[in-house]
C-alpha atoms as a PDB file:
ATOM      1  CA  MET A   1     128.459  71.059 102.500  1.00  0.00           C
ATOM      2  CA  THR A   2     129.571  67.623 101.274  1.00  0.00           C
ATOM      3  CA  SER A   3     128.817  66.599  97.802  1.00  0.00           C
ATOM      4  CA  GLY A   4     125.296  65.336  97.270  1.00  0.00           C
ATOM      5  CA  SER A   5     124.023  66.724 100.434  1.00  0.00           C
ATOM      6  CA  PRO A   6     120.321  66.471 100.537  1.00  0.00           C
ATOM      7  CA  LEU A   7     119.430  69.876 100.981  1.00  0.00           C
ATOM      8  CA  HIS A   8     116.071  71.108 100.190  1.00  0.00           C
ATOM      9  CA  ALA A   9     114.636  74.471 100.173  1.00  0.00           C
ATOM     10  CA  ILE A  10     110.941  75.330 101.990  1.00  0.00           C
ATOM     11  CA  ILE A  11     110.018  79.198 100.716  1.00  0.00           C
ATOM     12  CA  MET A  12     106.917  80.062 103.126  1.00  0.00           C
ATOM     13  CA  ALA A  13     104.665  82.331 101.058  1.00  0.00           C
ATOM     14  CA  GLY A  14     101.204  81.931 102.252  1.00  0.00           C
ATOM     15  CA  GLY A  15     101.197  85.624 104.314  1.00  0.00           C
ATOM     16  CA  VAL A  16      98.760  88.308 103.523  1.00  0.00           C
ATOM     17  CA  GLY A  17     101.208  91.078 104.070  1.00  0.00           C
ATOM     18  CA  SER A  18      98.750  93.557 105.725  1.00  0.00           C
ATOM     19  CA  ARG A  19     101.828  95.748 107.342  1.00  0.00           C
ATOM     20  CA  PHE A  20     102.163  96.924 103.368  1.00  0.00           C
ATOM     21  CA  TRP A  21      98.589  97.691 102.971  1.00  0.00           C
ATOM     22  CA  PRO A  22      97.354  99.052 100.778  1.00  0.00           C
ATOM     23  CA  PHE A  23      99.589  98.021  97.997  1.00  0.00           C
ATOM     24  CA  SER A  24      99.803  94.548  99.489  1.00  0.00           C
ATOM     25  CA  ARG A  25      96.285  93.063  99.432  1.00  0.00           C
ATOM     26  CA  THR A  26      94.833  89.933 100.326  1.00  0.00           C
ATOM     27  CA  HIS A  27      94.200  88.489  97.014  1.00  0.00           C
ATOM     28  CA  HIS A  28      97.591  89.615  95.758  1.00  0.00           C
ATOM     29  CA  PRO A  29      99.975  90.023  98.801  1.00  0.00           C
ATOM     30  CA  LYS A  30     103.345  91.545  98.794  1.00  0.00           C
ATOM     31  CA  GLN A  31     105.572  88.163  97.551  1.00  0.00           C
ATOM     32  CA  PHE A  32     104.042  88.272  94.210  1.00  0.00           C
ATOM     33  CA  LEU A  33     104.449  91.935  93.983  1.00  0.00           C
ATOM     34  CA  ASP A  34     107.510  94.054  92.531  1.00  0.00           C
ATOM     35  CA  ILE A  35     107.920  96.318  94.845  1.00  0.00           C
ATOM     36  CA  LEU A  36     111.435  97.543  94.206  1.00  0.00           C
ATOM     37  CA  ASP A  37     110.543  98.078  90.646  1.00  0.00           C
ATOM     38  CA  THR A  38     113.265  95.350  89.649  1.00  0.00           C
ATOM     39  CA  GLY A  39     110.948  93.475  87.228  1.00  0.00           C
ATOM     40  CA  LYS A  40     110.958  90.510  89.436  1.00  0.00           C
ATOM     41  CA  THR A  41     108.582  89.781  92.673  1.00  0.00           C
ATOM     42  CA  LEU A  42     109.781  89.149  95.848  1.00  0.00           C
ATOM     43  CA  ILE A  43     108.769  85.245  95.650  1.00  0.00           C
ATOM     44  CA  GLN A  44     110.934  84.948  92.043  1.00  0.00           C
ATOM     45  CA  MET A  45     114.017  86.932  93.486  1.00  0.00           C
ATOM     46  CA  THR A  46     114.037  84.556  96.448  1.00  0.00           C
ATOM     47  CA  TYR A  47     113.261  81.663  94.003  1.00  0.00           C
ATOM     48  CA  GLU A  48     116.437  82.677  91.619  1.00  0.00           C
ATOM     49  CA  ARG A  49     118.535  83.180  94.947  1.00  0.00           C
ATOM     50  CA  LEU A  50     117.702  79.342  96.078  1.00  0.00           C
ATOM     51  CA  LEU A  51     118.687  78.129  92.235  1.00  0.00           C
ATOM     52  CA  ALA A  52     122.383  78.774  92.956  1.00  0.00           C
ATOM     53  CA  PHE A  53     122.953  76.231  95.546  1.00  0.00           C
ATOM     54  CA  VAL A  54     119.715  74.099  95.713  1.00  0.00           C
ATOM     55  CA  PRO A  55     118.653  71.875  92.531  1.00  0.00           C
ATOM     56  CA  GLU A  56     115.397  73.206  91.103  1.00  0.00           C
ATOM     57  CA  ASP A  57     113.469  69.828  91.951  1.00  0.00           C
ATOM     58  CA  ARG A  58     114.032  70.286  95.455  1.00  0.00           C
ATOM     59  CA  ILE A  59     112.787  73.748  96.223  1.00  0.00           C
ATOM     60  CA  TRP A  60     109.472  73.623  97.463  1.00  0.00           C
ATOM     61  CA  VAL A  61     106.597  76.592  97.934  1.00  0.00           C
ATOM     62  CA  VAL A  62     104.097  76.441 100.624  1.00  0.00           C
ATOM     63  CA  SER A  63     101.416  78.600 100.264  1.00  0.00           C
ATOM     64  CA  HIS A  64      97.590  79.419 100.399  1.00  0.00           C
ATOM     65  CA  LYS A  65      95.353  77.631  98.019  1.00  0.00           C
ATOM     66  CA  ASP A  66      94.001  81.016  97.084  1.00  0.00           C
ATOM     67  CA  TYR A  67      97.647  81.704  95.676  1.00  0.00           C
ATOM     68  CA  ALA A  68      98.109  78.581  93.552  1.00  0.00           C
ATOM     69  CA  ASP A  69      97.615  80.659  90.174  1.00  0.00           C
ATOM     70  CA  LEU A  70      99.634  83.054  91.345  1.00  0.00           C
ATOM     71  CA  VAL A  71     102.583  80.729  92.451  1.00  0.00           C
ATOM     72  CA  ALA A  72     102.146  79.064  88.939  1.00  0.00           C
ATOM     73  CA  GLN A  73     102.685  81.895  87.179  1.00  0.00           C
ATOM     74  CA  GLN A  74     105.414  83.548  88.996  1.00  0.00           C
ATOM     75  CA  LEU A  75     107.100  80.144  89.310  1.00  0.00           C
ATOM     76  CA  PRO A  76     106.414  78.279  86.081  1.00  0.00           C
ATOM     77  CA  ARG A  77     109.471  75.729  86.666  1.00  0.00           C
ATOM     78  CA  LEU A  78     108.225  74.751  89.860  1.00  0.00           C
ATOM     79  CA  LEU A  79     106.133  71.418  89.225  1.00  0.00           C
ATOM     80  CA  PRO A  80     102.592  71.158  90.918  1.00  0.00           C
ATOM     81  CA  SER A  81     104.033  68.731  93.158  1.00  0.00           C
ATOM     82  CA  GLN A  82     106.522  71.281  94.416  1.00  0.00           C
ATOM     83  CA  ARG A  83     103.462  73.458  95.424  1.00  0.00           C
ATOM     84  CA  LEU A  84     102.129  72.641  98.919  1.00  0.00           C
ATOM     85  CA  LEU A  85      99.105  74.758  99.320  1.00  0.00           C
ATOM     86  CA  GLU A  86      97.054  75.180 102.686  1.00  0.00           C
ATOM     87  CA  PRO A  87      93.923  75.242 103.279  1.00  0.00           C
ATOM     88  CA  GLU A  88      93.520  78.148 105.580  1.00  0.00           C
ATOM     89  CA  ARG A  89      96.234  80.215 107.472  1.00  0.00           C
ATOM     90  CA  ARG A  90      97.830  78.763 110.879  1.00  0.00           C
ATOM     91  CA  ASN A  91     100.403  80.445 111.307  1.00  0.00           C
ATOM     92  CA  THR A  92     104.316  79.061 110.475  1.00  0.00           C
ATOM     93  CA  ALA A  93     104.254  75.973 112.951  1.00  0.00           C
ATOM     94  CA  PRO A  94     101.738  74.146 110.676  1.00  0.00           C
ATOM     95  CA  CYS A  95     103.629  75.481 107.666  1.00  0.00           C
ATOM     96  CA  VAL A  96     106.899  73.634 108.644  1.00  0.00           C
ATOM     97  CA  ALA A  97     105.243  70.605 109.602  1.00  0.00           C
ATOM     98  CA  LEU A  98     103.293  70.296 106.284  1.00  0.00           C
ATOM     99  CA  ALA A  99     106.959  70.848 104.757  1.00  0.00           C
ATOM    100  CA  ALA A 100     108.354  68.450 106.771  1.00  0.00           C
ATOM    101  CA  LYS A 101     106.274  65.511 106.302  1.00  0.00           C
ATOM    102  CA  HIS A 102     106.322  65.844 102.818  1.00  0.00           C
ATOM    103  CA  LEU A 103     110.038  65.678 102.657  1.00  0.00           C
ATOM    104  CA  GLU A 104     109.642  62.686 104.979  1.00  0.00           C
ATOM    105  CA  ALA A 105     107.786  61.078 102.287  1.00  0.00           C
ATOM    106  CA  VAL A 106     110.028  62.005  99.435  1.00  0.00           C
ATOM    107  CA  ASP A 107     113.550  62.511 100.858  1.00  0.00           C
ATOM    108  CA  PRO A 108     114.037  60.713 104.821  1.00  0.00           C
ATOM    109  CA  ASN A 109     117.480  62.179 104.869  1.00  0.00           C
ATOM    110  CA  ALA A 110     116.571  65.603 103.747  1.00  0.00           C
ATOM    111  CA  LEU A 111     117.914  68.717 105.313  1.00  0.00           C
ATOM    112  CA  ALA A 112     115.459  71.492 105.099  1.00  0.00           C
ATOM    113  CA  LEU A 113     116.375  75.246 104.531  1.00  0.00           C
ATOM    114  CA  ILE A 114     113.193  77.395 105.632  1.00  0.00           C
ATOM    115  CA  VAL A 115     113.166  80.878 104.069  1.00  0.00           C
ATOM    116  CA  PRO A 116     109.952  83.392 103.875  1.00  0.00           C
ATOM    117  CA  ALA A 117     109.303  84.670 100.410  1.00  0.00           C
ATOM    118  CA  ASP A 118     109.649  88.333 101.234  1.00  0.00           C
ATOM    119  CA  HIS A 119     112.846  88.763 102.284  1.00  0.00           C
ATOM    120  CA  LEU A 120     115.603  90.815 100.330  1.00  0.00           C
ATOM    121  CA  ILE A 121     119.376  90.099 100.125  1.00  0.00           C
ATOM    122  CA  ALA A 122     121.783  92.273  98.939  1.00  0.00           C
ATOM    123  CA  ASP A 123     124.816  90.058  98.529  1.00  0.00           C
ATOM    124  CA  THR A 124     123.810  86.827  97.032  1.00  0.00           C
ATOM    125  CA  GLY A 125     126.864  85.465  96.738  1.00  0.00           C
ATOM    126  CA  ASN A 126     127.455  85.706 100.309  1.00  0.00           C
ATOM    127  CA  TYR A 127     124.257  84.291 100.819  1.00  0.00           C
ATOM    128  CA  ALA A 128     124.730  81.225  99.042  1.00  0.00           C
ATOM    129  CA  ALA A 129     128.322  80.723 101.119  1.00  0.00           C
ATOM    130  CA  GLU A 130     126.460  81.061 104.321  1.00  0.00           C
ATOM    131  CA  MET A 131     123.696  78.477 103.637  1.00  0.00           C
ATOM    132  CA  GLN A 132     126.062  76.054 102.254  1.00  0.00           C
ATOM    133  CA  ALA A 133     128.524  76.409 105.185  1.00  0.00           C
ATOM    134  CA  ALA A 134     125.248  76.106 107.591  1.00  0.00           C
ATOM    135  CA  ALA A 135     124.206  73.123 105.625  1.00  0.00           C
ATOM    136  CA  GLY A 136     127.331  71.454 106.429  1.00  0.00           C
ATOM    137  CA  TYR A 137     127.303  72.197 109.860  1.00  0.00           C
ATOM    138  CA  VAL A 138     123.944  70.327 110.197  1.00  0.00           C
ATOM    139  CA  GLU A 139     124.973  67.471 108.411  1.00  0.00           C
ATOM    140  CA  GLN A 140     127.916  67.249 110.999  1.00  0.00           C
ATOM    141  CA  HIS A 141     125.430  68.100 113.979  1.00  0.00           C
ATOM    142  CA  PRO A 142     122.270  66.605 112.847  1.00  0.00           C
ATOM    143  CA  GLU A 143     120.319  66.977 116.201  1.00  0.00           C
ATOM    144  CA  CYS A 144     120.720  70.641 116.169  1.00  0.00           C
ATOM    145  CA  LEU A 145     118.221  73.682 115.003  1.00  0.00           C
ATOM    146  CA  LEU A 146     120.055  76.232 113.269  1.00  0.00           C
ATOM    147  CA  THR A 147     118.859  79.645 112.998  1.00  0.00           C
ATOM    148  CA  PHE A 148     120.617  82.947 111.050  1.00  0.00           C
ATOM    149  CA  GLY A 149     121.000  85.891 113.201  1.00  0.00           C
ATOM    150  CA  ILE A 150     121.312  89.180 111.332  1.00  0.00           C
ATOM    151  CA  ARG A 151     124.177  91.283 112.992  1.00  0.00           C
ATOM    152  CA  ALA A 152     121.998  94.083 113.941  1.00  0.00           C
ATOM    153  CA  ARG A 153     122.837  97.650 112.498  1.00  0.00           C
ATOM    154  CA  ARG A 154     120.243  99.867 114.444  1.00  0.00           C
ATOM    155  CA  PRO A 155     117.886  99.520 117.595  1.00  0.00           C
ATOM    156  CA  ASP A 156     115.102  98.245 115.414  1.00  0.00           C
ATOM    157  CA  THR A 157     111.752  97.871 117.333  1.00  0.00           C
ATOM    158  CA  GLY A 158     110.043  96.060 114.605  1.00  0.00           C
ATOM    159  CA  TYR A 159     112.163  92.620 114.536  1.00  0.00           C
ATOM    160  CA  GLY A 160     112.454  90.054 117.372  1.00  0.00           C
ATOM    161  CA  TYR A 161     115.830  89.437 118.772  1.00  0.00           C
ATOM    162  CA  ILE A 162     118.203  86.273 119.421  1.00  0.00           C
ATOM    163  CA  ARG A 163     120.728  86.375 122.698  1.00  0.00           C
ATOM    164  CA  TYR A 164     123.438  84.129 121.952  1.00  0.00           C
ATOM    165  CA  ASP A 165     126.569  82.830 123.980  1.00  0.00           C
ATOM    166  CA  ALA A 166     129.334  84.293 121.481  1.00  0.00           C
ATOM    167  CA  ALA A 167     131.932  83.034 123.854  1.00  0.00           C
ATOM    168  CA  SER A 168     130.938  79.485 122.940  1.00  0.00           C
ATOM    169  CA  GLY A 169     130.308  77.360 119.834  1.00  0.00           C
ATOM    170  CA  HIS A 170     133.084  77.132 117.302  1.00  0.00           C
ATOM    171  CA  SER A 171     133.222  77.944 113.608  1.00  0.00           C
ATOM    172  CA  GLY A 172     130.963  80.493 114.051  1.00  0.00           C
ATOM    173  CA  PHE A 173     128.164  78.579 115.295  1.00  0.00           C
ATOM    174  CA  HIS A 174     126.826  79.690 118.786  1.00  0.00           C
ATOM    175  CA  PRO A 175     124.371  78.322 121.253  1.00  0.00           C
ATOM    176  CA  VAL A 176     120.943  80.283 121.495  1.00  0.00           C
ATOM    177  CA  MET A 177     120.555  81.476 125.186  1.00  0.00           C
ATOM    178  CA  ARG A 178     116.786  82.962 124.291  1.00  0.00           C
ATOM    179  CA  PHE A 179     114.691  84.701 121.686  1.00  0.00           C
ATOM    180  CA  VAL A 180     112.867  87.759 122.751  1.00  0.00           C
ATOM    181  CA  GLU A 181     109.805  89.560 121.102  1.00  0.00           C
ATOM    182  CA  LYS A 182     109.881  93.097 119.304  1.00  0.00           C
ATOM    183  CA  PRO A 183     111.361  95.598 121.975  1.00  0.00           C
ATOM    184  CA  ASP A 184     110.688  99.116 122.741  1.00  0.00           C
ATOM    185  CA  LEU A 185     113.265 101.440 121.873  1.00  0.00           C
ATOM    186  CA  PRO A 186     114.947 102.082 125.009  1.00  0.00           C
ATOM    187  CA  THR A 187     115.049  97.956 125.414  1.00  0.00           C
ATOM    188  CA  ALA A 188     116.562  97.859 121.488  1.00  0.00           C
ATOM    189  CA  MET A 189     119.246 100.035 122.398  1.00  0.00           C
ATOM    190  CA  GLY A 190     120.260  98.169 125.127  1.00  0.00           C
ATOM    191  CA  TYR A 191     120.565  94.848 123.264  1.00  0.00           C
ATOM    192  CA  ILE A 192     122.547  96.656 120.587  1.00  0.00           C
ATOM    193  CA  ALA A 193     125.030  98.332 123.444  1.00  0.00           C
ATOM    194  CA  SER A 194     125.507  94.707 124.630  1.00  0.00           C
ATOM    195  CA  GLY A 195     126.715  93.188 121.426  1.00  0.00           C
ATOM    196  CA  GLU A 196     124.927  89.717 122.788  1.00  0.00           C
ATOM    197  CA  TYR A 197     121.940  90.218 120.445  1.00  0.00           C
ATOM    198  CA  LEU A 198     121.170  89.416 116.666  1.00  0.00           C
ATOM    199  CA  TRP A 199     118.083  90.334 114.752  1.00  0.00           C
ATOM    200  CA  ASN A 200     116.006  86.992 114.098  1.00  0.00           C
ATOM    201  CA  SER A 201     115.578  86.792 110.740  1.00  0.00           C
ATOM    202  CA  GLY A 202     112.804  84.174 110.430  1.00  0.00           C
ATOM    203  CA  MET A 203     115.434  81.732 108.543  1.00  0.00           C
ATOM    204  CA  PHE A 204     116.347  77.983 109.737  1.00  0.00           C
ATOM    205  CA  LEU A 205     117.954  75.076 108.574  1.00  0.00           C
ATOM    206  CA  TRP A 206     117.691  71.507 110.512  1.00  0.00           C
ATOM    207  CA  ARG A 207     117.825  67.772 109.511  1.00  0.00           C
ATOM    208  CA  ASN A 208     114.098  67.667 108.773  1.00  0.00           C
ATOM    209  CA  GLN A 209     113.632  64.411 111.037  1.00  0.00           C
ATOM    210  CA  THR A 210     115.293  66.184 114.029  1.00  0.00           C
ATOM    211  CA  MET A 211     112.520  68.723 113.279  1.00  0.00           C
ATOM    212  CA  LEU A 212     109.544  66.270 113.091  1.00  0.00           C
ATOM    213  CA  ARG A 213     110.863  64.976 116.441  1.00  0.00           C
ATOM    214  CA  GLN A 214     110.993  68.426 117.750  1.00  0.00           C
ATOM    215  CA  ILE A 215     107.191  68.880 116.551  1.00  0.00           C
ATOM    216  CA  ALA A 216     106.372  65.849 118.297  1.00  0.00           C
ATOM    217  CA  LEU A 217     107.933  66.673 121.449  1.00  0.00           C
ATOM    218  CA  HIS A 218     107.025  70.850 121.642  1.00  0.00           C
ATOM    219  CA  ALA A 219     103.761  70.556 119.404  1.00  0.00           C
ATOM    220  CA  PRO A 220     102.084  67.402 120.101  1.00  0.00           C
ATOM    221  CA  GLY A 221      98.751  68.251 118.809  1.00  0.00           C
ATOM    222  CA  ILE A 222      99.978  69.485 115.612  1.00  0.00           C
ATOM    223  CA  SER A 223     102.216  66.317 115.310  1.00  0.00           C
ATOM    224  CA  ALA A 224      98.818  64.017 116.029  1.00  0.00           C
ATOM    225  CA  ALA A 225      97.064  66.232 113.589  1.00  0.00           C
ATOM    226  CA  PHE A 226      99.704  65.452 110.507  1.00  0.00           C
ATOM    227  CA  SER A 227      99.848  61.473 111.707  1.00  0.00           C
ATOM    228  CA  GLY A 228      97.580  60.618 108.634  1.00  0.00           C
ATOM    229  CA  PHE A 229      99.166  62.828 106.062  1.00  0.00           C
ATOM    230  CA  VAL A 230     100.132  61.647 102.815  1.00  0.00           C
ATOM    231  CA  PRO A 231     101.501  63.686 100.060  1.00  0.00           C
ATOM    232  CA  SER A 232      98.991  65.202  97.904  1.00  0.00           C
ATOM    233  CA  GLY A 233      96.154  64.173 100.330  1.00  0.00           C
ATOM    234  CA  ASP A 234      93.414  66.307 101.745  1.00  0.00           C
ATOM    235  CA  LEU A 235      94.426  68.704 104.255  1.00  0.00           C
ATOM    236  CA  SER A 236      91.114  69.900 105.099  1.00  0.00           C
ATOM    237  CA  SER A 237      90.789  67.623 107.895  1.00  0.00           C
ATOM    238  CA  ILE A 238      94.201  68.477 109.453  1.00  0.00           C
ATOM    239  CA  TYR A 239      94.198  71.926 109.685  1.00  0.00           C
ATOM    240  CA  PRO A 240      91.346  72.712 111.859  1.00  0.00           C
ATOM    241  CA  LEU A 241      93.338  70.475 114.247  1.00  0.00           C
ATOM    242  CA  CYS A 242      96.245  72.581 114.419  1.00  0.00           C
ATOM    243  CA  ASP A 243      97.016  75.458 116.968  1.00  0.00           C
ATOM    244  CA  SER A 244      97.697  78.892 115.131  1.00  0.00           C
ATOM    245  CA  ILE A 245     101.142  79.611 116.157  1.00  0.00           C
ATOM    246  CA  SER A 246     104.251  80.443 115.008  1.00  0.00           C
ATOM    247  CA  ILE A 247     107.624  78.011 114.619  1.00  0.00           C
ATOM    248  CA  ASP A 248     109.485  80.163 116.919  1.00  0.00           C
ATOM    249  CA  HIS A 249     106.885  79.971 119.703  1.00  0.00           C
ATOM    250  CA  ALA A 250     105.788  76.232 119.049  1.00  0.00           C
ATOM    251  CA  ILE A 251     109.469  74.839 118.767  1.00  0.00           C
ATOM    252  CA  MET A 252     112.572  77.558 118.633  1.00  0.00           C
ATOM    253  CA  GLU A 253     111.701  78.821 122.168  1.00  0.00           C
ATOM    254  CA  LYS A 254     111.333  75.891 123.754  1.00  0.00           C
ATOM    255  CA  ALA A 255     114.034  73.307 122.192  1.00  0.00           C
ATOM    256  CA  ASP A 256     117.442  73.151 123.930  1.00  0.00           C
ATOM    257  CA  ASN A 257     119.477  72.351 120.857  1.00  0.00           C
ATOM    258  CA  VAL A 258     119.176  75.565 118.509  1.00  0.00           C
ATOM    259  CA  VAL A 259     122.036  77.288 117.538  1.00  0.00           C
ATOM    260  CA  VAL A 260     122.725  80.657 115.574  1.00  0.00           C
ATOM    261  CA  ARG A 261     124.629  81.626 112.600  1.00  0.00           C
ATOM    262  CA  PRO A 262     125.376  85.123 112.697  1.00  0.00           C
ATOM    263  CA  VAL A 263     125.219  86.726 109.209  1.00  0.00           C
ATOM    264  CA  ASP A 264     125.584  89.972 107.380  1.00  0.00           C
ATOM    265  CA  PHE A 265     124.522  89.667 103.864  1.00  0.00           C
ATOM    266  CA  GLY A 266     122.360  92.952 103.174  1.00  0.00           C
ATOM    267  CA  TRP A 267     119.269  91.152 104.578  1.00  0.00           C
ATOM    268  CA  SER A 268     115.751  92.966 105.053  1.00  0.00           C
ATOM    269  CA  ASP A 269     112.533  91.346 105.462  1.00  0.00           C
ATOM    270  CA  LEU A 270     110.602  94.088 103.627  1.00  0.00           C
ATOM    271  CA  GLY A 271     107.816  93.361 106.392  1.00  0.00           C
ATOM    272  CA  THR A 272     106.847  96.826 106.719  1.00  0.00           C
ATOM    273  CA  TRP A 273     106.883 100.409 105.100  1.00  0.00           C
ATOM    274  CA  ALA A 274     109.924 101.541 107.745  1.00  0.00           C
ATOM    275  CA  SER A 275     112.061  98.553 106.254  1.00  0.00           C
ATOM    276  CA  LEU A 276     111.482  99.521 102.615  1.00  0.00           C
ATOM    277  CA  TYR A 277     112.624 103.414 103.538  1.00  0.00           C
ATOM    278  CA  GLU A 278     115.696 102.151 105.287  1.00  0.00           C
ATOM    279  CA  ILE A 279     116.971 100.303 101.962  1.00  0.00           C
ATOM    280  CA  LEU A 280     115.804 103.132  99.503  1.00  0.00           C
ATOM    281  CA  ASP A 281     117.942 105.909  98.250  1.00  0.00           C
ATOM    282  CA  LYS A 282     117.193 109.226  99.921  1.00  0.00           C
ATOM    283  CA  ASP A 283     117.488 112.677  99.085  1.00  0.00           C
ATOM    284  CA  VAL A 284     119.210 115.337 101.263  1.00  0.00           C
ATOM    285  CA  ALA A 285     116.257 116.074 103.479  1.00  0.00           C
ATOM    286  CA  GLY A 286     116.174 112.356 104.065  1.00  0.00           C
ATOM    287  CA  ASN A 287     113.166 111.646 101.906  1.00  0.00           C
ATOM    288  CA  ALA A 288     112.788 108.402 100.016  1.00  0.00           C
ATOM    289  CA  THR A 289     110.378 108.039  97.145  1.00  0.00           C
ATOM    290  CA  ASN A 290     109.450 105.033  95.069  1.00  0.00           C
ATOM    291  CA  GLY A 291     107.276 105.040  91.857  1.00  0.00           C
ATOM    292  CA  GLY A 292     104.955 107.796  90.141  1.00  0.00           C
ATOM    293  CA  THR A 293     104.982 111.656  90.206  1.00  0.00           C
ATOM    294  CA  VAL A 294     105.921 113.307  93.404  1.00  0.00           C
ATOM    295  CA  GLU A 295     106.795 116.614  94.461  1.00  0.00           C
ATOM    296  CA  LEU A 296     108.105 117.585  97.831  1.00  0.00           C
ATOM    297  CA  ALA A 297     108.656 121.225  99.528  1.00  0.00           C
ATOM    298  CA  GLU A 298     110.063 121.769 102.795  1.00  0.00           C
ATOM    299  CA  THR A 299     109.499 117.850 103.611  1.00  0.00           C
ATOM    300  CA  ASN A 300     111.683 115.614 105.556  1.00  0.00           C
ATOM    301  CA  ASP A 301     112.345 112.263 106.453  1.00  0.00           C
ATOM    302  CA  CYS A 302     109.435 110.864 104.582  1.00  0.00           C
ATOM    303  CA  LEU A 303     108.673 107.709 102.633  1.00  0.00           C
ATOM    304  CA  VAL A 304     106.198 108.431  99.546  1.00  0.00           C
ATOM    305  CA  PHE A 305     105.160 105.286  97.813  1.00  0.00           C
ATOM    306  CA  ASN A 306     103.304 106.038  94.506  1.00  0.00           C
ATOM    307  CA  ARG A 307     101.690 103.623  92.297  1.00  0.00           C
ATOM    308  CA  SER A 308      98.713 105.721  90.965  1.00  0.00           C
ATOM    309  CA  ASN A 309      98.454 108.152  88.037  1.00  0.00           C
ATOM    310  CA  ALA A 310      97.961 110.791  90.860  1.00  0.00           C
ATOM    311  CA  LEU A 311     100.601 113.404  91.421  1.00  0.00           C
ATOM    312  CA  LEU A 312     101.379 113.382  94.800  1.00  0.00           C
ATOM    313  CA  ALA A 313     102.561 116.991  96.399  1.00  0.00           C
ATOM    314  CA  LEU A 314     103.961 117.089 100.241  1.00  0.00           C
ATOM    315  CA  GLN A 315     104.487 120.511 102.001  1.00  0.00           C
ATOM    316  CA  SER A 316     106.210 121.309 105.069  1.00  0.00           C
ATOM    317  CA  VAL A 317     105.475 117.562 106.667  1.00  0.00           C
ATOM    318  CA  SER A 318     108.107 115.252 108.050  1.00  0.00           C
ATOM    319  CA  ASN A 319     108.351 111.793 109.163  1.00  0.00           C
ATOM    320  CA  LEU A 320     105.354 110.473 107.402  1.00  0.00           C
ATOM    321  CA  ILE A 321     104.724 107.480 105.198  1.00  0.00           C
ATOM    322  CA  VAL A 322     102.437 107.972 102.311  1.00  0.00           C
ATOM    323  CA  VAL A 323     101.141 105.268  99.957  1.00  0.00           C
ATOM    324  CA  SER A 324      98.852 105.711  97.172  1.00  0.00           C
ATOM    325  CA  THR A 325      97.670 103.402  94.898  1.00  0.00           C
ATOM    326  CA  PRO A 326      94.470 103.280  92.480  1.00  0.00           C
ATOM    327  CA  ASP A 327      91.793 102.899  95.124  1.00  0.00           C
ATOM    328  CA  ALA A 328      93.296 103.771  98.663  1.00  0.00           C
ATOM    329  CA  VAL A 329      95.573 105.913 100.255  1.00  0.00           C
ATOM    330  CA  LEU A 330      97.679 105.648 103.580  1.00  0.00           C
ATOM    331  CA  VAL A 331      99.052 108.380 105.440  1.00  0.00           C
ATOM    332  CA  CYS A 332     100.584 107.335 108.365  1.00  0.00           C
ATOM    333  CA  ASP A 333     103.385 108.625 110.832  1.00  0.00           C
ATOM    334  CA  ARG A 334     106.501 106.673 110.715  1.00  0.00           C
ATOM    335  CA  SER A 335     106.955 106.215 114.508  1.00  0.00           C
ATOM    336  CA  GLN A 336     103.401 104.718 114.150  1.00  0.00           C
ATOM    337  CA  GLU A 337     103.867 102.481 111.245  1.00  0.00           C
ATOM    338  CA  GLN A 338     103.647  99.192 113.533  1.00  0.00           C
ATOM    339  CA  LYS A 339      99.697 100.012 113.869  1.00  0.00           C
ATOM    340  CA  ILE A 340      99.207  99.706 110.385  1.00  0.00           C
ATOM    341  CA  LYS A 341      98.034  95.899 110.822  1.00  0.00           C
ATOM    342  CA  GLN A 342      95.425  96.840 113.216  1.00  0.00           C
ATOM    343  CA  LEU A 343      94.081  99.554 110.954  1.00  0.00           C
ATOM    344  CA  VAL A 344      93.537  97.184 108.185  1.00  0.00           C
ATOM    345  CA  ALA A 345      91.873  94.748 110.510  1.00  0.00           C
ATOM    346  CA  ALA A 346      89.710  97.615 111.788  1.00  0.00           C
ATOM    347  CA  ILE A 347      88.425  98.714 107.983  1.00  0.00           C
ATOM    348  CA  ALA A 348      88.121  94.810 107.153  1.00  0.00           C
ATOM    349  CA  LYS A 349      86.011  94.806 110.168  1.00  0.00           C
ATOM    350  CA  SER A 350      83.676  98.069 109.511  1.00  0.00           C
ATOM    351  CA  ARG A 351      83.917  97.993 105.745  1.00  0.00           C
ATOM    352  CA  SER A 352      83.751  94.307 104.997  1.00  0.00           C
ATOM    353  CA  ASN A 353      85.987  95.112 101.661  1.00  0.00           C
ATOM    354  CA  GLU A 354      87.371  91.828  99.868  1.00  0.00           C
ATOM    355  CA  SER A 355      89.787  94.075  98.067  1.00  0.00           C
ATOM    356  CA  LEU A 356      91.888  94.465 101.633  1.00  0.00           C
END
């Protein structure tokens, strides 16, 4: 990255984290929680990682208006003008469009690094080095859209994948052949065996003007909705006009100028209880525990997460996720944890419980 590079970082922090229920709740989702008992929430850790290579006045947070106070409380160095608040949730494409239109107004030459608020990065030094190398590449190739692919450690069915051309490209940046959805286990095993696939990290870097052109080309409805945008303006008439669609589906899967940087800096998206299980220390029986008092007997390969005052005792069970909070308990087979999101939706529909 050249000196004075116009790199800005956009933290996406508007999700509800329903797959981390019952610890993550609609009114206080996982990005604002200290899941690992480190004394810092996930969004605070993300912000501090970025400060190593992005000036604090170039870090922006896009979140839901309901989380305005949480963002202000947890990131007090962030100016009110750096908090971009969505009036409703329309997935990540409108989120990226909002950030892009804002950057267009404040810095026409901006490079935009897009990162979710809820990722965990173990090797922050390598992370900073990779982000700076990527920014340098985009400066030299301003028409590309760059994504970061994680070198897959196992055939995980909870992540999307990126197929890339390892034989082409240069300096560790390669053409993307296609994006693929979360696979079943046999398909994921085939991906790993082929050596042609990376985990889709959901992190991106591009020249802001390039993304605005791609939005106009591939998501004209969203582009038209933001045509009258002004910074700090009213978004309530813009968002209902936007499709609820991810940036992957709206742009990345359609664009012909996407490149990937394979990286390995101890990444986890902490999107599910299974991803937390993978990074926690385990006992000899494969059990991972976090939080309050837990007793295990003849039990193996379980995740037990206790944020209540209750004693959790497990006897002769295997492969479970057990989560206890002051007002709810979740018990789920680890192999079925992808269904937690549907379970929460069903509970919300049947109980109309605002605490969800």
